[in-house]
Amino acid sequence: MPIYRVAFEDALLAYCEGMKVPDARPYILNENAIRSAIGRPYHTILGADAFPTLHQKAAALLDAMARAHGFSDGNKRTAVMLTLFMIRASGYDLSPISREKLDDVVVELLEGKRTMTSVAFWFHLVIDPG
C-alpha cells in the first residue's frame, strides 16, 4: 500500500483540528518551516528514500513538525494530528491507547528522552492495518 504524501493544506487542516480554529493562516509564523517539515519524510539520499517505511516517515514527520515552530502555538499538537492523518491516509491506524501515548512520545522526543529511531520502532509496534 502506498504511503500518503502530506501536503501543506493537510498541515493547515491538522492545525485547525488540533487547535479548534476555523483558519490556520493567521497563526502561521513561518510557512517555509512548515513546508520543509512536511517534506522531510520524503527526502532521498543518492536516489534512495531516506525514510523508506511508514514507521520511519511517521517519526520523521512528527519530529520535523514539532521542531519547526511554523505556527505561533500548538506545534506539538499539530505534529501529532498531522502524523495521525498521514498514518490513516496510508491505510493504517494506531490503537486507542497508542493515540493517547503519542502526546507523550512527541514531548519525550523533543526533550531528548527518545531518538527518532526509537520513535520509528515505537510506531512499528503500534501501527495496525486500518
Protein backbone atom coordinates (compact mmCIF):
# COMPACT_ATOMS: atom_id res chain seq x y z
CA MET A 1 0.00 0.00 0.00
CA PRO A 2 1.44 3.43 -0.91
CA ILE A 3 2.37 5.89 1.81
CA TYR A 4 0.36 9.10 1.70
CA ARG A 5 2.35 12.23 0.83
CA VAL A 6 1.40 15.02 3.23
CA ALA A 7 0.59 18.40 1.64
CA PHE A 8 0.76 21.92 3.06
CA GLU A 9 -3.04 22.05 3.15
CA ASP A 10 -3.04 18.91 5.33
CA ALA A 11 -0.84 20.74 7.85
CA LEU A 12 -3.29 23.64 7.92
CA LEU A 13 -6.22 21.28 8.48
CA ALA A 14 -4.32 19.45 11.24
CA TYR A 15 -3.68 22.79 12.94
CA CYS A 16 -7.36 23.75 12.70
CA GLU A 17 -8.46 20.40 14.08
CA GLY A 18 -5.92 20.38 16.90
CA MET A 19 -6.39 23.99 17.92
CA LYS A 20 -10.15 24.17 17.26
CA VAL A 21 -9.90 27.21 15.00
CA PRO A 22 -11.58 27.76 11.61
CA ASP A 23 -8.47 29.03 9.79
CA ALA A 24 -4.80 28.29 10.43
CA ARG A 25 -3.34 31.04 8.25
CA PRO A 26 -3.43 33.81 10.91
CA TYR A 27 -1.32 31.56 13.18
CA ILE A 28 1.45 30.82 10.65
CA LEU A 29 4.82 32.19 11.77
CA ASN A 30 6.96 30.58 9.08
CA GLU A 31 5.35 28.92 6.06
CA ASN A 32 8.71 27.74 4.74
CA ALA A 33 9.41 25.93 8.02
CA ILE A 34 6.08 24.11 7.72
CA ARG A 35 6.73 23.18 4.09
CA SER A 36 10.22 21.96 4.94
CA ALA A 37 8.92 19.86 7.84
CA ILE A 38 6.24 18.15 5.75
CA GLY A 39 8.84 17.39 3.08
CA ARG A 40 11.31 15.74 5.44
CA PRO A 41 9.73 12.24 5.46
CA TYR A 42 10.08 12.10 1.67
CA HIS A 43 13.76 13.10 1.40
CA THR A 44 16.10 10.95 -0.64
CA ILE A 45 19.83 10.35 -0.31
CA LEU A 46 21.64 9.48 -3.54
CA GLY A 47 18.29 8.49 -5.04
CA ALA A 48 17.30 6.22 -2.15
CA ASP A 49 14.44 7.00 0.21
CA ALA A 50 15.91 8.35 3.47
CA PHE A 51 12.85 7.11 5.38
CA PRO A 52 11.60 4.08 3.43
CA THR A 53 8.95 2.72 5.81
CA LEU A 54 5.73 4.22 7.11
CA HIS A 55 7.15 3.94 10.64
CA GLN A 56 10.23 5.96 9.71
CA LYS A 57 8.23 8.53 7.75
CA ALA A 58 5.84 8.95 10.70
CA ALA A 59 8.76 9.51 13.08
CA ALA A 60 10.39 11.98 10.68
CA LEU A 61 7.15 13.93 10.25
CA LEU A 62 6.42 14.01 13.98
CA ASP A 63 9.93 15.24 14.75
CA ALA A 64 10.14 17.78 11.94
CA MET A 65 6.71 19.33 12.52
CA ALA A 66 7.16 19.57 16.28
CA ARG A 67 10.58 21.23 15.91
CA ALA A 68 9.71 23.55 13.01
CA HIS A 69 7.75 26.07 15.07
CA GLY A 70 5.89 27.09 11.95
CA PHE A 71 2.83 28.15 13.94
CA SER A 72 2.52 30.65 16.79
CA ASP A 73 1.19 27.93 19.12
CA GLY A 74 0.20 24.27 19.01
CA ASN A 75 3.19 22.93 17.10
CA LYS A 76 3.37 19.63 19.04
CA ARG A 77 -0.39 19.16 18.78
CA THR A 78 -0.27 19.87 15.05
CA ALA A 79 2.61 17.41 14.66
CA VAL A 80 0.56 14.71 16.39
CA MET A 81 -2.59 15.44 14.37
CA LEU A 82 -0.72 15.54 11.06
CA THR A 83 1.21 12.34 11.79
CA LEU A 84 -2.02 10.52 12.69
CA PHE A 85 -3.56 11.83 9.47
CA MET A 86 -0.62 10.55 7.38
CA ILE A 87 -0.85 7.12 9.01
CA ARG A 88 -4.61 6.90 8.45
CA ALA A 89 -4.44 8.25 4.89
CA SER A 90 -1.90 5.49 4.20
CA GLY A 91 -4.48 2.89 5.25
CA TYR A 92 -3.31 2.22 8.81
CA ASP A 93 -4.20 3.36 12.32
CA LEU A 94 -2.93 3.33 15.90
CA SER A 95 -4.63 1.57 18.77
CA PRO A 96 -6.59 3.94 21.08
CA ILE A 97 -4.01 3.57 23.85
CA SER A 98 -1.21 4.39 21.41
CA ARG A 99 -3.03 7.53 20.25
CA GLU A 100 -3.08 8.80 23.84
CA LYS A 101 0.60 7.88 24.29
CA LEU A 102 1.59 9.78 21.13
CA ASP A 103 1.32 13.10 23.01
CA ASP A 104 3.92 11.82 25.49
CA VAL A 105 6.11 10.43 22.71
CA VAL A 106 6.42 13.80 20.97
CA VAL A 107 7.37 15.52 24.25
CA GLU A 108 9.94 12.80 25.03
CA LEU A 109 11.38 13.18 21.52
CA LEU A 110 11.74 16.94 21.90
CA GLU A 111 13.28 16.57 25.38
CA GLY A 112 15.88 14.13 24.05
CA LYS A 113 14.47 11.19 26.00
CA ARG A 114 13.72 9.40 22.71
CA THR A 115 15.54 9.28 19.41
CA MET A 116 13.87 9.31 16.02
CA THR A 117 14.96 5.68 15.64
CA SER A 118 13.22 4.71 18.88
CA VAL A 119 10.09 6.60 17.81
CA ALA A 120 10.13 4.79 14.45
CA PHE A 121 10.42 1.48 16.33
CA TRP A 122 7.52 2.51 18.60
CA PHE A 123 5.42 3.24 15.50
CA HIS A 124 6.43 -0.19 14.16
CA LEU A 125 4.95 -1.74 17.31
CA VAL A 126 1.70 0.25 17.42
CA ILE A 127 0.64 0.86 13.81
CA ASP A 128 -2.09 -1.57 12.78
CA PRO A 129 -3.78 -2.07 9.43
CA GLY A 130 -6.82 0.22 9.28
